[in-house]
């Protein structure tokens, strides 16, 4: 029968190394699952942040808004937030990497962590079209609408923009952005006008029809 005469240090090595390897694998699995969960639940993550602002400020909020833009197409807006001075048209975009571009570009560049480049349709342009369509259909003045594209917090945003009516920003900065916009030196939306806008937009929501809700 063979006997292994190992020193205390060697025994410690054989015991500790497997534990360290298992711990590293466990951490890797944790971050992979966390990443997948964050990507899957990103819209809900954004919803919670927007909902908290709506509750704290007594703003009206519509989620998962669907409206017909022509005879063959229905458009979607993730969130519409009715604040004191503006109506915010918000869509969520999960970006796997960092984003660069200019506000008028047709596409933005997505740079992955390993440096590879791919492209995505300009979300600011997408929101601008939705704002325009919604304004035309409802008769609500487009100057009262702000388009916001929310991206994940770990995405570095290098988009060059000077727009005061369209933004792309990380979700964790949304509250700060709304606070800054609402502090602009303009009058509040008239309460009757705001109630009319909420009613006009809510009436268009095809999600209710699709789900059978009344």
C-alpha atoms as a PDB file:
ATOM      1  CA  UNK A   1       0.000   0.000   0.000  1.00  0.00           C
ATOM      2  CA  UNK A   2       1.456   3.311  -1.114  1.00  0.00           C
ATOM      3  CA  UNK A   3       1.596   6.119   1.372  1.00  0.00           C
ATOM      4  CA  UNK A   4       1.989   9.776   0.464  1.00  0.00           C
ATOM      5  CA  UNK A   5       4.187  11.688   2.813  1.00  0.00           C
ATOM      6  CA  UNK A   6       3.063  15.247   2.116  1.00  0.00           C
ATOM      7  CA  UNK A   7       4.009  18.307   4.051  1.00  0.00           C
ATOM      8  CA  UNK A   8       1.409  20.552   5.641  1.00  0.00           C
ATOM      9  CA  UNK A   9       1.974  23.070   2.852  1.00  0.00           C
ATOM     10  CA  UNK A  10       1.355  20.464   0.159  1.00  0.00           C
ATOM     11  CA  UNK A  11      -1.831  19.269   1.871  1.00  0.00           C
ATOM     12  CA  UNK A  12      -2.991  22.854   2.098  1.00  0.00           C
ATOM     13  CA  UNK A  13      -2.254  23.304  -1.615  1.00  0.00           C
ATOM     14  CA  UNK A  14      -4.344  20.270  -2.607  1.00  0.00           C
ATOM     15  CA  UNK A  15      -7.213  21.430  -0.407  1.00  0.00           C
ATOM     16  CA  UNK A  16      -7.190  25.141  -1.212  1.00  0.00           C
ATOM     17  CA  UNK A  17      -6.677  24.958  -5.002  1.00  0.00           C
ATOM     18  CA  UNK A  18      -9.951  23.052  -5.702  1.00  0.00           C
ATOM     19  CA  UNK A  19     -11.827  25.435  -3.415  1.00  0.00           C
ATOM     20  CA  UNK A  20     -10.399  28.461  -5.280  1.00  0.00           C
ATOM     21  CA  UNK A  21     -11.217  26.905  -8.672  1.00  0.00           C
ATOM     22  CA  UNK A  22     -14.789  26.169  -7.570  1.00  0.00           C
ATOM     23  CA  UNK A  23     -15.135  29.712  -6.224  1.00  0.00           C
ATOM     24  CA  UNK A  24     -13.888  31.208  -9.527  1.00  0.00           C
ATOM     25  CA  UNK A  25     -16.307  29.054 -11.515  1.00  0.00           C
ATOM     26  CA  UNK A  26     -19.125  30.050  -9.149  1.00  0.00           C
ATOM     27  CA  UNK A  27     -18.356  33.765  -9.560  1.00  0.00           C
ATOM     28  CA  UNK A  28     -18.199  33.374 -13.356  1.00  0.00           C
ATOM     29  CA  UNK A  29     -21.553  31.594 -13.396  1.00  0.00           C
ATOM     30  CA  UNK A  30     -23.034  34.301 -11.144  1.00  0.00           C
ATOM     31  CA  UNK A  31     -21.987  37.112 -13.482  1.00  0.00           C
ATOM     32  CA  UNK A  32     -23.183  35.215 -16.583  1.00  0.00           C
ATOM     33  CA  UNK A  33     -26.593  34.620 -15.014  1.00  0.00           C
ATOM     34  CA  UNK A  34     -26.722  38.203 -13.756  1.00  0.00           C
ATOM     35  CA  UNK A  35     -25.929  39.501 -17.238  1.00  0.00           C
ATOM     36  CA  UNK A  36     -28.615  37.323 -18.831  1.00  0.00           C
ATOM     37  CA  UNK A  37     -31.130  38.333 -16.200  1.00  0.00           C
ATOM     38  CA  UNK A  38     -30.330  42.034 -16.624  1.00  0.00           C
ATOM     39  CA  UNK A  39     -30.724  41.795 -20.388  1.00  0.00           C
ATOM     40  CA  UNK A  40     -33.974  39.849 -20.117  1.00  0.00           C
ATOM     41  CA  UNK A  41     -35.453  42.113 -17.434  1.00  0.00           C
ATOM     42  CA  UNK A  42     -34.076  45.425 -18.708  1.00  0.00           C
ATOM     43  CA  UNK A  43     -37.469  46.861 -19.657  1.00  0.00           C
ATOM     44  CA  UNK A  44     -38.809  46.004 -16.209  1.00  0.00           C
ATOM     45  CA  UNK A  45     -35.709  47.599 -14.663  1.00  0.00           C
ATOM     46  CA  UNK A  46     -36.484  50.804 -16.584  1.00  0.00           C
ATOM     47  CA  UNK A  47     -40.175  50.599 -15.708  1.00  0.00           C
ATOM     48  CA  UNK A  48     -39.397  50.491 -11.972  1.00  0.00           C
ATOM     49  CA  UNK A  49     -37.259  53.633 -12.188  1.00  0.00           C
ATOM     50  CA  UNK A  50     -39.889  55.506 -14.212  1.00  0.00           C
ATOM     51  CA  UNK A  51     -42.755  54.269 -12.030  1.00  0.00           C
ATOM     52  CA  UNK A  52     -41.002  55.525  -8.887  1.00  0.00           C
ATOM     53  CA  UNK A  53     -40.677  58.989 -10.406  1.00  0.00           C
ATOM     54  CA  UNK A  54     -44.343  58.919 -11.443  1.00  0.00           C
ATOM     55  CA  UNK A  55     -45.387  57.946  -7.899  1.00  0.00           C
ATOM     56  CA  UNK A  56     -43.095  60.449  -6.178  1.00  0.00           C
ATOM     57  CA  UNK A  57     -44.106  63.374  -8.408  1.00  0.00           C
ATOM     58  CA  UNK A  58     -47.747  62.365  -8.976  1.00  0.00           C
ATOM     59  CA  UNK A  59     -47.158  62.030 -12.732  1.00  0.00           C
ATOM     60  CA  UNK A  60     -49.366  59.955 -15.010  1.00  0.00           C
ATOM     61  CA  UNK A  61     -47.691  56.957 -16.658  1.00  0.00           C
ATOM     62  CA  UNK A  62     -48.704  54.693 -19.562  1.00  0.00           C
ATOM     63  CA  UNK A  63     -46.632  51.580 -20.322  1.00  0.00           C
ATOM     64  CA  UNK A  64     -46.503  49.293 -23.376  1.00  0.00           C
ATOM     65  CA  UNK A  65     -48.339  51.777 -25.552  1.00  0.00           C
ATOM     66  CA  UNK A  66     -49.303  50.510 -29.005  1.00  0.00           C
ATOM     67  CA  UNK A  67     -50.766  52.801 -31.668  1.00  0.00           C
ATOM     68  CA  UNK A  68     -51.519  52.460 -35.356  1.00  0.00           C
ATOM     69  CA  UNK A  69     -49.362  54.678 -37.567  1.00  0.00           C
ATOM     70  CA  UNK A  70     -50.874  53.577 -40.877  1.00  0.00           C
ATOM     71  CA  UNK A  71     -53.154  50.874 -42.278  1.00  0.00           C
ATOM     72  CA  UNK A  72     -50.449  48.207 -42.040  1.00  0.00           C
ATOM     73  CA  UNK A  73     -48.234  49.141 -39.090  1.00  0.00           C
ATOM     74  CA  UNK A  74     -48.576  49.441 -35.329  1.00  0.00           C
ATOM     75  CA  UNK A  75     -45.831  51.228 -33.380  1.00  0.00           C
ATOM     76  CA  UNK A  76     -44.808  50.647 -29.790  1.00  0.00           C
ATOM     77  CA  UNK A  77     -43.689  53.055 -27.091  1.00  0.00           C
ATOM     78  CA  UNK A  78     -42.386  51.453 -23.899  1.00  0.00           C
ATOM     79  CA  UNK A  79     -43.367  54.283 -21.547  1.00  0.00           C
ATOM     80  CA  UNK A  80     -45.152  57.638 -21.767  1.00  0.00           C
ATOM     81  CA  UNK A  81     -44.642  59.863 -18.729  1.00  0.00           C
ATOM     82  CA  UNK A  82     -46.875  62.920 -18.341  1.00  0.00           C
ATOM     83  CA  UNK A  83     -45.018  65.418 -16.158  1.00  0.00           C
ATOM     84  CA  UNK A  84     -45.693  69.035 -15.197  1.00  0.00           C
ATOM     85  CA  UNK A  85     -44.083  70.684 -18.227  1.00  0.00           C
ATOM     86  CA  UNK A  86     -43.477  67.923 -20.781  1.00  0.00           C
ATOM     87  CA  UNK A  87     -44.689  64.562 -21.997  1.00  0.00           C
ATOM     88  CA  UNK A  88     -41.817  62.052 -22.172  1.00  0.00           C
ATOM     89  CA  UNK A  89     -41.804  59.443 -24.937  1.00  0.00           C
ATOM     90  CA  UNK A  90     -39.468  56.720 -23.672  1.00  0.00           C
ATOM     91  CA  UNK A  91     -38.108  53.549 -25.264  1.00  0.00           C
ATOM     92  CA  UNK A  92     -35.662  51.058 -23.757  1.00  0.00           C
ATOM     93  CA  UNK A  93     -32.633  49.722 -25.656  1.00  0.00           C
ATOM     94  CA  UNK A  94     -30.271  47.138 -24.183  1.00  0.00           C
ATOM     95  CA  UNK A  95     -26.818  47.632 -25.763  1.00  0.00           C
ATOM     96  CA  UNK A  96     -24.152  44.919 -25.608  1.00  0.00           C
ATOM     97  CA  UNK A  97     -21.108  47.164 -25.529  1.00  0.00           C
ATOM     98  CA  UNK A  98     -20.543  50.915 -25.799  1.00  0.00           C
ATOM     99  CA  UNK A  99     -22.337  53.225 -28.210  1.00  0.00           C
ATOM    100  CA  UNK A 100     -20.938  56.039 -30.350  1.00  0.00           C
ATOM    101  CA  UNK A 101     -22.302  58.260 -33.085  1.00  0.00           C
ATOM    102  CA  UNK A 102     -23.946  61.596 -33.837  1.00  0.00           C
ATOM    103  CA  UNK A 103     -27.580  62.450 -33.241  1.00  0.00           C
ATOM    104  CA  UNK A 104     -28.345  62.714 -36.975  1.00  0.00           C
ATOM    105  CA  UNK A 105     -26.588  59.479 -38.019  1.00  0.00           C
ATOM    106  CA  UNK A 106     -28.801  56.793 -39.510  1.00  0.00           C
ATOM    107  CA  UNK A 107     -27.026  54.200 -37.332  1.00  0.00           C
ATOM    108  CA  UNK A 108     -24.955  54.213 -34.161  1.00  0.00           C
ATOM    109  CA  UNK A 109     -21.773  52.180 -33.707  1.00  0.00           C
ATOM    110  CA  UNK A 110     -21.782  49.528 -30.998  1.00  0.00           C
ATOM    111  CA  UNK A 111     -18.311  48.599 -29.732  1.00  0.00           C
ATOM    112  CA  UNK A 112     -18.209  45.312 -27.839  1.00  0.00           C
ATOM    113  CA  UNK A 113     -15.888  44.658 -24.897  1.00  0.00           C
ATOM    114  CA  UNK A 114     -13.443  42.866 -27.233  1.00  0.00           C
ATOM    115  CA  UNK A 115     -13.371  45.826 -29.636  1.00  0.00           C
ATOM    116  CA  UNK A 116     -15.622  44.423 -32.358  1.00  0.00           C
ATOM    117  CA  UNK A 117     -17.964  46.881 -34.061  1.00  0.00           C
ATOM    118  CA  UNK A 118     -21.552  46.476 -35.152  1.00  0.00           C
ATOM    119  CA  UNK A 119     -24.405  48.864 -35.860  1.00  0.00           C
ATOM    120  CA  UNK A 120     -27.850  49.626 -34.501  1.00  0.00           C
ATOM    121  CA  UNK A 121     -30.567  51.869 -35.906  1.00  0.00           C
ATOM    122  CA  UNK A 122     -30.363  55.310 -34.338  1.00  0.00           C
ATOM    123  CA  UNK A 123     -32.759  55.104 -31.353  1.00  0.00           C
ATOM    124  CA  UNK A 124     -32.969  58.892 -31.171  1.00  0.00           C
ATOM    125  CA  UNK A 125     -34.238  58.970 -34.756  1.00  0.00           C
ATOM    126  CA  UNK A 126     -36.703  56.184 -33.951  1.00  0.00           C
ATOM    127  CA  UNK A 127     -38.070  58.194 -31.027  1.00  0.00           C
ATOM    128  CA  UNK A 128     -38.225  61.386 -33.109  1.00  0.00           C
ATOM    129  CA  UNK A 129     -40.448  59.627 -35.669  1.00  0.00           C
ATOM    130  CA  UNK A 130     -42.690  58.278 -32.914  1.00  0.00           C
ATOM    131  CA  UNK A 131     -43.012  61.760 -31.371  1.00  0.00           C
ATOM    132  CA  UNK A 132     -43.897  63.219 -34.761  1.00  0.00           C
ATOM    133  CA  UNK A 133     -46.494  60.522 -35.479  1.00  0.00           C
ATOM    134  CA  UNK A 134     -48.059  60.793 -32.038  1.00  0.00           C
ATOM    135  CA  UNK A 135     -48.254  64.579 -32.354  1.00  0.00           C
ATOM    136  CA  UNK A 136     -49.963  64.341 -35.751  1.00  0.00           C
ATOM    137  CA  UNK A 137     -52.475  61.735 -34.605  1.00  0.00           C
ATOM    138  CA  UNK A 138     -53.387  63.348 -31.261  1.00  0.00           C
ATOM    139  CA  UNK A 139     -52.995  67.016 -32.175  1.00  0.00           C
ATOM    140  CA  UNK A 140     -50.707  67.507 -29.162  1.00  0.00           C
ATOM    141  CA  UNK A 141     -48.056  70.136 -29.845  1.00  0.00           C
ATOM    142  CA  UNK A 142     -44.749  68.400 -30.587  1.00  0.00           C
ATOM    143  CA  UNK A 143     -42.905  71.039 -28.553  1.00  0.00           C
ATOM    144  CA  UNK A 144     -44.450  69.489 -25.432  1.00  0.00           C
ATOM    145  CA  UNK A 145     -42.889  66.091 -26.133  1.00  0.00           C
ATOM    146  CA  UNK A 146     -39.416  64.903 -25.202  1.00  0.00           C
ATOM    147  CA  UNK A 147     -38.002  61.705 -26.725  1.00  0.00           C
ATOM    148  CA  UNK A 148     -35.751  59.646 -24.454  1.00  0.00           C
ATOM    149  CA  UNK A 149     -33.859  56.449 -25.330  1.00  0.00           C
ATOM    150  CA  UNK A 150     -32.861  54.574 -22.175  1.00  0.00           C
ATOM    151  CA  UNK A 151     -29.804  52.311 -22.337  1.00  0.00           C
ATOM    152  CA  UNK A 152     -28.281  49.986 -19.748  1.00  0.00           C
ATOM    153  CA  UNK A 153     -26.148  51.505 -17.000  1.00  0.00           C
ATOM    154  CA  UNK A 154     -22.939  49.686 -17.996  1.00  0.00           C
ATOM    155  CA  UNK A 155     -23.060  51.041 -21.552  1.00  0.00           C
ATOM    156  CA  UNK A 156     -20.720  53.976 -22.148  1.00  0.00           C
ATOM    157  CA  UNK A 157     -22.548  56.532 -24.278  1.00  0.00           C
ATOM    158  CA  UNK A 158     -20.365  58.618 -26.580  1.00  0.00           C
ATOM    159  CA  UNK A 159     -23.167  59.937 -28.802  1.00  0.00           C
ATOM    160  CA  UNK A 160     -22.638  63.559 -29.796  1.00  0.00           C
ATOM    161  CA  UNK A 161     -25.842  65.561 -29.494  1.00  0.00           C
ATOM    162  CA  UNK A 162     -27.000  69.098 -28.817  1.00  0.00           C
ATOM    163  CA  UNK A 163     -30.708  68.337 -29.006  1.00  0.00           C
ATOM    164  CA  UNK A 164     -33.017  69.696 -26.318  1.00  0.00           C
ATOM    165  CA  UNK A 165     -35.915  67.459 -27.306  1.00  0.00           C
ATOM    166  CA  UNK A 166     -34.280  64.048 -27.832  1.00  0.00           C
ATOM    167  CA  UNK A 167     -31.868  62.197 -25.553  1.00  0.00           C
ATOM    168  CA  UNK A 168     -30.035  58.905 -25.154  1.00  0.00           C
ATOM    169  CA  UNK A 169     -28.992  58.184 -21.588  1.00  0.00           C
ATOM    170  CA  UNK A 170     -28.327  55.398 -19.089  1.00  0.00           C
ATOM    171  CA  UNK A 171     -31.364  54.322 -17.073  1.00  0.00           C
ATOM    172  CA  UNK A 172     -29.764  55.298 -13.749  1.00  0.00           C
ATOM    173  CA  UNK A 173     -29.464  58.907 -14.980  1.00  0.00           C
ATOM    174  CA  UNK A 174     -33.094  59.207 -16.065  1.00  0.00           C
ATOM    175  CA  UNK A 175     -34.353  60.801 -12.846  1.00  0.00           C
ATOM    176  CA  UNK A 176     -31.630  63.468 -13.008  1.00  0.00           C
ATOM    177  CA  UNK A 177     -32.449  64.195 -16.659  1.00  0.00           C
ATOM    178  CA  UNK A 178     -36.184  64.628 -16.013  1.00  0.00           C
ATOM    179  CA  UNK A 179     -35.428  66.904 -13.063  1.00  0.00           C
ATOM    180  CA  UNK A 180     -33.196  69.084 -15.270  1.00  0.00           C
ATOM    181  CA  UNK A 181     -35.738  69.285 -18.092  1.00  0.00           C
ATOM    182  CA  UNK A 182     -38.622  70.032 -15.730  1.00  0.00           C
ATOM    183  CA  UNK A 183     -36.593  72.901 -14.231  1.00  0.00           C
ATOM    184  CA  UNK A 184     -36.590  74.772 -17.549  1.00  0.00           C
ATOM    185  CA  UNK A 185     -38.000  78.279 -17.379  1.00  0.00           C
ATOM    186  CA  UNK A 186     -41.321  77.594 -19.094  1.00  0.00           C
ATOM    187  CA  UNK A 187     -44.872  77.419 -17.837  1.00  0.00           C
ATOM    188  CA  UNK A 188     -46.612  74.286 -16.627  1.00  0.00           C
ATOM    189  CA  UNK A 189     -48.921  72.372 -18.909  1.00  0.00           C
ATOM    190  CA  UNK A 190     -52.471  73.485 -18.183  1.00  0.00           C
ATOM    191  CA  UNK A 191     -54.201  70.826 -16.065  1.00  0.00           C
ATOM    192  CA  UNK A 192     -57.169  70.571 -18.426  1.00  0.00           C
ATOM    193  CA  UNK A 193     -54.787  70.412 -21.381  1.00  0.00           C
ATOM    194  CA  UNK A 194     -52.762  67.675 -19.668  1.00  0.00           C
ATOM    195  CA  UNK A 195     -55.885  65.667 -18.817  1.00  0.00           C
ATOM    196  CA  UNK A 196     -56.999  65.986 -22.428  1.00  0.00           C
ATOM    197  CA  UNK A 197     -53.598  64.798 -23.663  1.00  0.00           C
ATOM    198  CA  UNK A 198     -53.660  61.781 -21.339  1.00  0.00           C
ATOM    199  CA  UNK A 199     -57.182  60.894 -22.495  1.00  0.00           C
ATOM    200  CA  UNK A 200     -56.331  61.329 -26.188  1.00  0.00           C
ATOM    201  CA  UNK A 201     -53.237  59.134 -25.965  1.00  0.00           C
ATOM    202  CA  UNK A 202     -54.833  56.511 -23.729  1.00  0.00           C
ATOM    203  CA  UNK A 203     -57.759  56.216 -26.158  1.00  0.00           C
ATOM    204  CA  UNK A 204     -55.324  55.264 -28.929  1.00  0.00           C
ATOM    205  CA  UNK A 205     -53.718  52.471 -26.929  1.00  0.00           C
ATOM    206  CA  UNK A 206     -54.280  49.290 -28.927  1.00  0.00           C
ATOM    207  CA  UNK A 207     -52.778  47.187 -26.140  1.00  0.00           C
ATOM    208  CA  UNK A 208     -56.126  47.384 -24.385  1.00  0.00           C
ATOM    209  CA  UNK A 209     -57.918  46.100 -27.438  1.00  0.00           C
ATOM    210  CA  UNK A 210     -55.422  43.321 -27.976  1.00  0.00           C
ATOM    211  CA  UNK A 211     -55.653  42.177 -24.365  1.00  0.00           C
ATOM    212  CA  UNK A 212     -59.404  42.579 -24.120  1.00  0.00           C
ATOM    213  CA  UNK A 213     -59.074  45.204 -21.389  1.00  0.00           C
ATOM    214  CA  UNK A 214     -61.671  47.974 -21.149  1.00  0.00           C
END
